[in-house]
Amino acid sequence: MAGRRPDARACGLCHYPNGRGRPENAGLDGLPISYFMQQIDDFRHDLRRSAESRKTNTAIMTAIAKAMTDDEVRAAAAYFASLQRTPWIRVVESPTVPKTRLSGGMFVPLEGAETEPTADRIIEIPEHPDRTELRDPRAGFVAYVPVGSLMKGEALVTTGGGGRTIACGICHGADLNGLGPVPGIAGRSPSYQARQLFDMQAGTRRGVWADLMKAVVVKLTPDDVIAITAYTASRSVRQPVIEGAPSGPRTLR
C-alpha cells in the first residue's frame, strides 16, 4: 500500500515487501484474508493494544489502520495472503547468548564475542546485522531460547500440558500452519508471539479472535509462554490453503 496520507504508511516499511517482518512487529506472509482484515478492524476500534505502554509501534499501527480505506485493507490482505511462506527464524537452545543492545526496537549483537546467560528469556537477533540494517529480504533471524524449552513447549502445544492450556493444533491446524481463517503460528517470531500471548492475558488485545484465546492463556506462566513460542517458532512452515486468496502463491525473496 502506497503511503499517500501521512498516517497511511506503506506496509513494507516495517513488515517487508515479502511480509516476513522483524521481531518488533508481525509476520504477515500467508495470513488468511479475513483474519488480516479483522486485525485491522480491531486496531481501528482500539481493541488491539500492547500491554507495554512504551511499545510505540503498536500506536503507530493503530493510526495506520484508521487511515486506511476498506479497499486498501482488502488489497493488502490479498497481497500478503498470496505470499509463499518460507523459513525465516532459526531457533537455538543455548545456556548463553551474545550480548546485545537495542536498536530500532530490535536486539542486535555487540561487536566482539562477549556472551551472557540466556536465563529466562528469548533473545531474537539478526543472522546478519549489517544486511538486516539494509532490510535485506534474505537475511533472517536467530532466536536463542533456554535449554529445554522445545521439549516443554512441545508438551504444552500438542497436549495442553496436563490442563495448563489447550492444544494449539485444534484451531491452528495439526502442523500449526493454519486452518481456514485461523492463522499459522509455525515459524513465526517467538518474540512477537510471546507479546501477543501476554497482551491477551492482560486483556489489552481483544476482539473476535482474541476472545477465543482467553482459555488458552489464562493459566500460562512466563516460562510457559517462552516454551510455547520457542516450539512453534521452530516448526516447519508451509503455505496453507487460504480462503479467498489468489491462486498460485508467489515468493518474494
C-alpha atoms as a PDB file:
ATOM      1  CA  MET A   1       0.000   0.000   0.000  1.00  0.00           C
ATOM      2  CA  ALA A   2       1.477   3.337  -1.007  1.00  0.00           C
ATOM      3  CA  GLY A   3       1.557   5.829   1.862  1.00  0.00           C
ATOM      4  CA  ARG A   4      -0.377   8.658   0.224  1.00  0.00           C
ATOM      5  CA  ARG A   5      -1.721  10.085   3.513  1.00  0.00           C
ATOM      6  CA  PRO A   6       0.555  10.933   6.463  1.00  0.00           C
ATOM      7  CA  ASP A   7      -0.644   8.035   8.639  1.00  0.00           C
ATOM      8  CA  ALA A   8      -1.249   5.534   5.821  1.00  0.00           C
ATOM      9  CA  ARG A   9       2.329   4.317   5.598  1.00  0.00           C
ATOM     10  CA  ALA A  10       3.486   1.606   3.218  1.00  0.00           C
ATOM     11  CA  CYS A  11       3.188  -1.812   4.913  1.00  0.00           C
ATOM     12  CA  GLY A  12       6.578  -2.935   3.616  1.00  0.00           C
ATOM     13  CA  LEU A  13       8.419  -0.264   5.612  1.00  0.00           C
ATOM     14  CA  CYS A  14       8.033  -2.389   8.745  1.00  0.00           C
ATOM     15  CA  HIS A  15       6.795  -5.795   7.591  1.00  0.00           C
ATOM     16  CA  TYR A  16       8.995  -6.001   4.461  1.00  0.00           C
ATOM     17  CA  PRO A  17       7.548  -6.475   0.958  1.00  0.00           C
ATOM     18  CA  ASN A  18       7.936 -10.240   1.480  1.00  0.00           C
ATOM     19  CA  GLY A  19       5.727  -9.981   4.578  1.00  0.00           C
ATOM     20  CA  ARG A  20       8.137 -11.748   6.927  1.00  0.00           C
ATOM     21  CA  GLY A  21       8.627  -8.825   9.270  1.00  0.00           C
ATOM     22  CA  ARG A  22      11.067  -8.476  12.155  1.00  0.00           C
ATOM     23  CA  PRO A  23      10.933  -9.359  15.871  1.00  0.00           C
ATOM     24  CA  GLU A  24       9.428  -5.986  16.796  1.00  0.00           C
ATOM     25  CA  ASN A  25       6.424  -6.497  14.509  1.00  0.00           C
ATOM     26  CA  ALA A  26       4.310  -9.206  12.894  1.00  0.00           C
ATOM     27  CA  GLY A  27       4.996 -11.562  10.033  1.00  0.00           C
ATOM     28  CA  LEU A  28       2.144 -11.095   7.558  1.00  0.00           C
ATOM     29  CA  ASP A  29       3.088 -13.640   4.893  1.00  0.00           C
ATOM     30  CA  GLY A  30       0.382 -16.236   4.338  1.00  0.00           C
ATOM     31  CA  LEU A  31      -2.144 -14.738   6.762  1.00  0.00           C
ATOM     32  CA  PRO A  32      -5.784 -15.535   5.932  1.00  0.00           C
ATOM     33  CA  ILE A  33      -7.547 -12.609   4.298  1.00  0.00           C
ATOM     34  CA  SER A  34     -10.431 -12.467   6.761  1.00  0.00           C
ATOM     35  CA  TYR A  35      -8.053 -12.683   9.738  1.00  0.00           C
ATOM     36  CA  PHE A  36      -5.875  -9.841   8.392  1.00  0.00           C
ATOM     37  CA  MET A  37      -8.938  -7.666   7.836  1.00  0.00           C
ATOM     38  CA  GLN A  38     -10.290  -8.417  11.314  1.00  0.00           C
ATOM     39  CA  GLN A  39      -6.994  -7.378  12.921  1.00  0.00           C
ATOM     40  CA  ILE A  40      -7.018  -4.067  11.063  1.00  0.00           C
ATOM     41  CA  ASP A  41     -10.594  -3.553  12.246  1.00  0.00           C
ATOM     42  CA  ASP A  42      -9.535  -4.336  15.822  1.00  0.00           C
ATOM     43  CA  PHE A  43      -6.792  -1.702  15.586  1.00  0.00           C
ATOM     44  CA  ARG A  44      -9.303   0.768  14.183  1.00  0.00           C
ATOM     45  CA  HIS A  45     -11.652   0.241  17.146  1.00  0.00           C
ATOM     46  CA  ASP A  46      -8.889   0.281  19.796  1.00  0.00           C
ATOM     47  CA  LEU A  47      -9.426  -3.385  20.598  1.00  0.00           C
ATOM     48  CA  ARG A  48      -5.801  -4.279  19.974  1.00  0.00           C
ATOM     49  CA  ARG A  49      -3.219  -2.526  22.137  1.00  0.00           C
ATOM     50  CA  SER A  50       0.066  -3.507  23.748  1.00  0.00           C
ATOM     51  CA  ALA A  51       0.293  -4.209  27.476  1.00  0.00           C
ATOM     52  CA  GLU A  52       3.631  -2.367  27.294  1.00  0.00           C
ATOM     53  CA  SER A  53       2.833   1.333  27.043  1.00  0.00           C
ATOM     54  CA  ARG A  54       6.346   2.098  25.765  1.00  0.00           C
ATOM     55  CA  LYS A  55       5.852  -0.021  22.631  1.00  0.00           C
ATOM     56  CA  THR A  56       5.216   2.859  20.276  1.00  0.00           C
ATOM     57  CA  ASN A  57       4.846   0.910  17.052  1.00  0.00           C
ATOM     58  CA  THR A  58       1.514  -0.503  18.284  1.00  0.00           C
ATOM     59  CA  ALA A  59       0.158   3.035  18.469  1.00  0.00           C
ATOM     60  CA  ILE A  60       1.618   3.712  15.032  1.00  0.00           C
ATOM     61  CA  MET A  61      -0.197   0.654  13.687  1.00  0.00           C
ATOM     62  CA  THR A  62      -3.456   1.940  15.167  1.00  0.00           C
ATOM     63  CA  ALA A  63      -3.005   5.249  13.343  1.00  0.00           C
ATOM     64  CA  ILE A  64      -2.193   3.432  10.094  1.00  0.00           C
ATOM     65  CA  ALA A  65      -5.263   1.207  10.374  1.00  0.00           C
ATOM     66  CA  LYS A  66      -7.537   4.182  10.968  1.00  0.00           C
ATOM     67  CA  ALA A  67      -6.088   5.961   7.924  1.00  0.00           C
ATOM     68  CA  MET A  68      -6.587   3.034   5.508  1.00  0.00           C
ATOM     69  CA  THR A  69      -9.642   2.755   3.308  1.00  0.00           C
ATOM     70  CA  ASP A  70     -11.605  -0.505   3.158  1.00  0.00           C
ATOM     71  CA  ASP A  71     -10.363  -1.112  -0.377  1.00  0.00           C
ATOM     72  CA  GLU A  72      -6.764  -0.656   0.753  1.00  0.00           C
ATOM     73  CA  VAL A  73      -7.242  -3.123   3.600  1.00  0.00           C
ATOM     74  CA  ARG A  74      -8.682  -5.725   1.198  1.00  0.00           C
ATOM     75  CA  ALA A  75      -5.857  -5.192  -1.294  1.00  0.00           C
ATOM     76  CA  ALA A  76      -3.171  -5.509   1.396  1.00  0.00           C
ATOM     77  CA  ALA A  77      -4.858  -8.612   2.839  1.00  0.00           C
ATOM     78  CA  ALA A  78      -4.986 -10.316  -0.561  1.00  0.00           C
ATOM     79  CA  TYR A  79      -1.358  -9.407  -1.272  1.00  0.00           C
ATOM     80  CA  PHE A  80       0.055 -10.825   1.958  1.00  0.00           C
ATOM     81  CA  ALA A  81      -2.159 -13.922   1.762  1.00  0.00           C
ATOM     82  CA  SER A  82      -0.677 -14.669  -1.659  1.00  0.00           C
ATOM     83  CA  LEU A  83       2.933 -14.724  -0.420  1.00  0.00           C
ATOM     84  CA  GLN A  84       4.690 -18.061  -0.116  1.00  0.00           C
ATOM     85  CA  ARG A  85       5.826 -18.833   3.438  1.00  0.00           C
ATOM     86  CA  THR A  86       9.463 -19.884   3.722  1.00  0.00           C
ATOM     87  CA  PRO A  87      11.809 -20.351   6.726  1.00  0.00           C
ATOM     88  CA  TRP A  88      12.850 -17.058   8.356  1.00  0.00           C
ATOM     89  CA  ILE A  89      13.567 -17.879  12.034  1.00  0.00           C
ATOM     90  CA  ARG A  90      16.180 -20.289  13.388  1.00  0.00           C
ATOM     91  CA  VAL A  91      15.589 -21.409  16.983  1.00  0.00           C
ATOM     92  CA  VAL A  92      18.623 -22.356  19.101  1.00  0.00           C
ATOM     93  CA  GLU A  93      18.552 -23.693  22.665  1.00  0.00           C
ATOM     94  CA  SER A  94      21.577 -22.299  24.467  1.00  0.00           C
ATOM     95  CA  PRO A  95      22.681 -21.506  28.040  1.00  0.00           C
ATOM     96  CA  THR A  96      24.331 -18.321  26.754  1.00  0.00           C
ATOM     97  CA  VAL A  97      23.547 -15.640  24.184  1.00  0.00           C
ATOM     98  CA  PRO A  98      25.582 -12.873  22.529  1.00  0.00           C
ATOM     99  CA  LYS A  99      25.495  -9.613  24.445  1.00  0.00           C
ATOM    100  CA  THR A 100      23.127  -7.234  22.694  1.00  0.00           C
ATOM    101  CA  ARG A 101      21.881  -3.675  22.525  1.00  0.00           C
ATOM    102  CA  LEU A 102      18.544  -2.276  21.413  1.00  0.00           C
ATOM    103  CA  SER A 103      18.371  -0.613  18.009  1.00  0.00           C
ATOM    104  CA  GLY A 104      15.081   0.442  16.479  1.00  0.00           C
ATOM    105  CA  GLY A 105      13.083  -1.877  18.740  1.00  0.00           C
ATOM    106  CA  MET A 106      15.284  -4.872  17.887  1.00  0.00           C
ATOM    107  CA  PHE A 107      18.133  -6.606  19.712  1.00  0.00           C
ATOM    108  CA  VAL A 108      21.412  -6.522  17.792  1.00  0.00           C
ATOM    109  CA  PRO A 109      24.660  -8.178  18.945  1.00  0.00           C
ATOM    110  CA  LEU A 110      27.529  -6.095  20.262  1.00  0.00           C
ATOM    111  CA  GLU A 111      30.795  -6.220  18.396  1.00  0.00           C
ATOM    112  CA  GLY A 112      33.081  -8.967  19.615  1.00  0.00           C
ATOM    113  CA  ALA A 113      32.266 -12.370  21.050  1.00  0.00           C
ATOM    114  CA  GLU A 114      31.006 -11.494  24.535  1.00  0.00           C
ATOM    115  CA  THR A 115      28.158 -13.600  25.864  1.00  0.00           C
ATOM    116  CA  GLU A 116      25.829 -13.620  28.870  1.00  0.00           C
ATOM    117  CA  PRO A 117      23.398 -16.162  30.377  1.00  0.00           C
ATOM    118  CA  THR A 118      20.222 -16.740  28.411  1.00  0.00           C
ATOM    119  CA  ALA A 119      18.296 -17.019  31.706  1.00  0.00           C
ATOM    120  CA  ASP A 120      14.508 -16.995  31.309  1.00  0.00           C
ATOM    121  CA  ARG A 121      14.451 -15.043  28.061  1.00  0.00           C
ATOM    122  CA  ILE A 122      14.020 -15.207  24.325  1.00  0.00           C
ATOM    123  CA  ILE A 123      16.754 -13.209  22.607  1.00  0.00           C
ATOM    124  CA  GLU A 124      15.993 -12.840  18.911  1.00  0.00           C
ATOM    125  CA  ILE A 125      18.681 -11.211  16.791  1.00  0.00           C
ATOM    126  CA  PRO A 126      19.529 -10.828  13.095  1.00  0.00           C
ATOM    127  CA  GLU A 127      21.604 -13.566  11.494  1.00  0.00           C
ATOM    128  CA  HIS A 128      23.406 -10.838   9.529  1.00  0.00           C
ATOM    129  CA  PRO A 129      23.012  -7.481  11.351  1.00  0.00           C
ATOM    130  CA  ASP A 130      24.650  -5.436   8.611  1.00  0.00           C
ATOM    131  CA  ARG A 131      22.313  -6.873   5.976  1.00  0.00           C
ATOM    132  CA  THR A 132      19.268  -6.518   8.229  1.00  0.00           C
ATOM    133  CA  GLU A 133      20.146  -2.845   8.698  1.00  0.00           C
ATOM    134  CA  LEU A 134      19.744  -2.539   4.918  1.00  0.00           C
ATOM    135  CA  ARG A 135      16.488  -4.555   5.092  1.00  0.00           C
ATOM    136  CA  ASP A 136      17.871  -7.416   3.059  1.00  0.00           C
ATOM    137  CA  PRO A 137      14.868  -9.730   2.417  1.00  0.00           C
ATOM    138  CA  ARG A 138      17.168 -12.766   2.516  1.00  0.00           C
ATOM    139  CA  ALA A 139      18.655 -12.011   5.948  1.00  0.00           C
ATOM    140  CA  GLY A 140      16.601 -13.808   8.594  1.00  0.00           C
ATOM    141  CA  PHE A 141      16.837 -14.129  12.369  1.00  0.00           C
ATOM    142  CA  VAL A 142      18.037 -16.485  15.072  1.00  0.00           C
ATOM    143  CA  ALA A 143      16.145 -16.860  18.355  1.00  0.00           C
ATOM    144  CA  TYR A 144      18.080 -18.052  21.381  1.00  0.00           C
ATOM    145  CA  VAL A 145      15.893 -19.772  23.984  1.00  0.00           C
ATOM    146  CA  PRO A 146      16.577 -21.516  27.318  1.00  0.00           C
ATOM    147  CA  VAL A 147      17.752 -25.119  27.206  1.00  0.00           C
ATOM    148  CA  GLY A 148      14.784 -27.485  27.494  1.00  0.00           C
ATOM    149  CA  SER A 149      12.293 -25.002  26.020  1.00  0.00           C
ATOM    150  CA  LEU A 150      11.470 -27.080  22.951  1.00  0.00           C
ATOM    151  CA  MET A 151      10.609 -30.253  24.877  1.00  0.00           C
ATOM    152  CA  LYS A 152       8.458 -28.352  27.353  1.00  0.00           C
ATOM    153  CA  GLY A 153       6.863 -26.369  24.558  1.00  0.00           C
ATOM    154  CA  GLU A 154       6.019 -29.483  22.584  1.00  0.00           C
ATOM    155  CA  ALA A 155       4.085 -30.892  25.544  1.00  0.00           C
ATOM    156  CA  LEU A 156       2.145 -27.668  26.038  1.00  0.00           C
ATOM    157  CA  VAL A 157       1.439 -27.153  22.341  1.00  0.00           C
ATOM    158  CA  THR A 158       0.489 -30.717  21.404  1.00  0.00           C
ATOM    159  CA  THR A 159      -1.354 -31.940  24.523  1.00  0.00           C
ATOM    160  CA  GLY A 160      -2.115 -28.860  26.591  1.00  0.00           C
ATOM    161  CA  GLY A 161       0.435 -29.777  29.237  1.00  0.00           C
ATOM    162  CA  GLY A 162      -1.926 -31.619  31.544  1.00  0.00           C
ATOM    163  CA  GLY A 163      -4.556 -28.901  31.620  1.00  0.00           C
ATOM    164  CA  ARG A 164      -2.294 -25.841  31.686  1.00  0.00           C
ATOM    165  CA  THR A 165      -3.566 -24.767  28.278  1.00  0.00           C
ATOM    166  CA  ILE A 166      -5.371 -26.074  25.173  1.00  0.00           C
ATOM    167  CA  ALA A 167      -3.594 -27.909  22.357  1.00  0.00           C
ATOM    168  CA  CYS A 168      -2.768 -25.331  19.674  1.00  0.00           C
ATOM    169  CA  GLY A 169      -3.453 -27.676  16.766  1.00  0.00           C
ATOM    170  CA  ILE A 170      -7.183 -27.729  17.478  1.00  0.00           C
ATOM    171  CA  CYS A 171      -7.517 -24.273  15.924  1.00  0.00           C
ATOM    172  CA  HIS A 172      -4.192 -23.637  14.164  1.00  0.00           C
ATOM    173  CA  GLY A 173      -4.013 -26.993  12.367  1.00  0.00           C
ATOM    174  CA  ALA A 174      -2.199 -30.205  13.216  1.00  0.00           C
ATOM    175  CA  ASP A 175       1.063 -28.856  11.752  1.00  0.00           C
ATOM    176  CA  LEU A 176       0.414 -25.329  13.131  1.00  0.00           C
ATOM    177  CA  ASN A 177       0.354 -23.841   9.632  1.00  0.00           C
ATOM    178  CA  GLY A 178      -3.176 -22.537   9.881  1.00  0.00           C
ATOM    179  CA  LEU A 179      -6.680 -23.828   9.363  1.00  0.00           C
ATOM    180  CA  GLY A 180      -9.175 -21.881   7.265  1.00  0.00           C
ATOM    181  CA  PRO A 181      -9.442 -18.350   8.696  1.00  0.00           C
ATOM    182  CA  VAL A 182      -7.152 -19.172  11.644  1.00  0.00           C
ATOM    183  CA  PRO A 183      -3.525 -18.090  11.055  1.00  0.00           C
ATOM    184  CA  GLY A 184      -0.498 -20.328  11.028  1.00  0.00           C
ATOM    185  CA  ILE A 185       1.839 -19.960  14.003  1.00  0.00           C
ATOM    186  CA  ALA A 186       4.625 -22.282  12.819  1.00  0.00           C
ATOM    187  CA  GLY A 187       7.878 -20.487  12.046  1.00  0.00           C
ATOM    188  CA  ARG A 188       6.678 -17.101  13.285  1.00  0.00           C
ATOM    189  CA  SER A 189       8.799 -14.853  15.506  1.00  0.00           C
ATOM    190  CA  PRO A 190       8.763 -16.173  19.092  1.00  0.00           C
ATOM    191  CA  SER A 191       9.282 -12.639  20.411  1.00  0.00           C
ATOM    192  CA  TYR A 192       6.197 -11.424  18.573  1.00  0.00           C
ATOM    193  CA  GLN A 193       4.094 -14.420  19.567  1.00  0.00           C
ATOM    194  CA  ALA A 194       5.104 -14.127  23.224  1.00  0.00           C
ATOM    195  CA  ARG A 195       3.997 -10.478  23.276  1.00  0.00           C
ATOM    196  CA  GLN A 196       0.627 -11.419  21.842  1.00  0.00           C
ATOM    197  CA  LEU A 197       0.035 -14.087  24.492  1.00  0.00           C
ATOM    198  CA  PHE A 198       0.946 -11.609  27.232  1.00  0.00           C
ATOM    199  CA  ASP A 199      -1.331  -8.959  25.674  1.00  0.00           C
ATOM    200  CA  MET A 200      -4.207 -11.437  25.638  1.00  0.00           C
ATOM    201  CA  GLN A 201      -3.548 -12.321  29.277  1.00  0.00           C
ATOM    202  CA  ALA A 202      -3.523  -8.638  30.187  1.00  0.00           C
ATOM    203  CA  GLY A 203      -6.739  -8.007  28.249  1.00  0.00           C
ATOM    204  CA  THR A 204      -5.238  -5.327  26.037  1.00  0.00           C
ATOM    205  CA  ARG A 205      -5.659  -7.455  22.917  1.00  0.00           C
ATOM    206  CA  ARG A 206      -9.354  -8.109  22.490  1.00  0.00           C
ATOM    207  CA  GLY A 207     -11.733  -8.705  19.590  1.00  0.00           C
ATOM    208  CA  VAL A 208     -13.315 -11.726  17.926  1.00  0.00           C
ATOM    209  CA  TRP A 209     -10.253 -13.977  17.641  1.00  0.00           C
ATOM    210  CA  ALA A 210      -8.641 -12.822  20.883  1.00  0.00           C
ATOM    211  CA  ASP A 211     -11.731 -13.918  22.803  1.00  0.00           C
ATOM    212  CA  LEU A 212     -11.145 -17.478  21.604  1.00  0.00           C
ATOM    213  CA  MET A 213      -7.681 -17.356  23.183  1.00  0.00           C
ATOM    214  CA  LYS A 214      -8.815 -16.471  26.716  1.00  0.00           C
ATOM    215  CA  ALA A 215      -8.985 -20.074  27.913  1.00  0.00           C
ATOM    216  CA  VAL A 216      -5.656 -20.791  26.207  1.00  0.00           C
ATOM    217  CA  VAL A 217      -3.637 -18.109  28.011  1.00  0.00           C
ATOM    218  CA  VAL A 218      -5.284 -17.784  31.427  1.00  0.00           C
ATOM    219  CA  LYS A 219      -3.038 -20.294  33.265  1.00  0.00           C
ATOM    220  CA  LEU A 220       0.204 -19.719  31.386  1.00  0.00           C
ATOM    221  CA  THR A 221       3.305 -18.639  33.302  1.00  0.00           C
ATOM    222  CA  PRO A 222       6.080 -16.592  31.657  1.00  0.00           C
ATOM    223  CA  ASP A 223       8.138 -19.802  31.361  1.00  0.00           C
ATOM    224  CA  ASP A 224       5.179 -21.492  29.616  1.00  0.00           C
ATOM    225  CA  VAL A 225       4.951 -18.628  27.135  1.00  0.00           C
ATOM    226  CA  ILE A 226       8.656 -18.884  26.357  1.00  0.00           C
ATOM    227  CA  ALA A 227       8.407 -22.644  25.828  1.00  0.00           C
ATOM    228  CA  ILE A 228       5.289 -22.466  23.642  1.00  0.00           C
ATOM    229  CA  THR A 229       6.573 -19.721  21.371  1.00  0.00           C
ATOM    230  CA  ALA A 230      10.033 -21.290  21.101  1.00  0.00           C
ATOM    231  CA  TYR A 231       8.443 -24.550  19.969  1.00  0.00           C
ATOM    232  CA  THR A 232       6.001 -23.001  17.488  1.00  0.00           C
ATOM    233  CA  ALA A 233       8.782 -20.855  16.019  1.00  0.00           C
ATOM    234  CA  SER A 234      10.874 -23.993  15.466  1.00  0.00           C
ATOM    235  CA  ARG A 235       8.203 -25.785  13.430  1.00  0.00           C
ATOM    236  CA  SER A 236       8.403 -26.133   9.650  1.00  0.00           C
ATOM    237  CA  VAL A 237       6.448 -23.667   7.574  1.00  0.00           C
ATOM    238  CA  ARG A 238       4.343 -24.413   4.534  1.00  0.00           C
ATOM    239  CA  GLN A 239       1.805 -22.469   2.529  1.00  0.00           C
ATOM    240  CA  PRO A 240      -1.680 -23.066   3.972  1.00  0.00           C
ATOM    241  CA  VAL A 241      -4.823 -23.135   1.887  1.00  0.00           C
ATOM    242  CA  ILE A 242      -6.068 -19.573   2.357  1.00  0.00           C
ATOM    243  CA  GLU A 243      -9.739 -18.784   1.903  1.00  0.00           C
ATOM    244  CA  GLY A 244     -10.197 -16.148  -0.759  1.00  0.00           C
ATOM    245  CA  ALA A 245      -6.520 -15.907  -1.678  1.00  0.00           C
ATOM    246  CA  PRO A 246      -5.453 -15.642  -5.323  1.00  0.00           C
ATOM    247  CA  SER A 247      -4.336 -18.951  -6.785  1.00  0.00           C
ATOM    248  CA  GLY A 248      -0.630 -19.709  -7.068  1.00  0.00           C
ATOM    249  CA  PRO A 249       1.206 -18.245  -4.059  1.00  0.00           C
ATOM    250  CA  ARG A 250       4.210 -16.160  -5.014  1.00  0.00           C
ATOM    251  CA  THR A 251       7.586 -15.923  -3.358  1.00  0.00           C
ATOM    252  CA  LEU A 252       9.285 -12.563  -2.813  1.00  0.00           C
ATOM    253  CA  ARG A 253      12.851 -13.009  -1.695  1.00  0.00           C
END
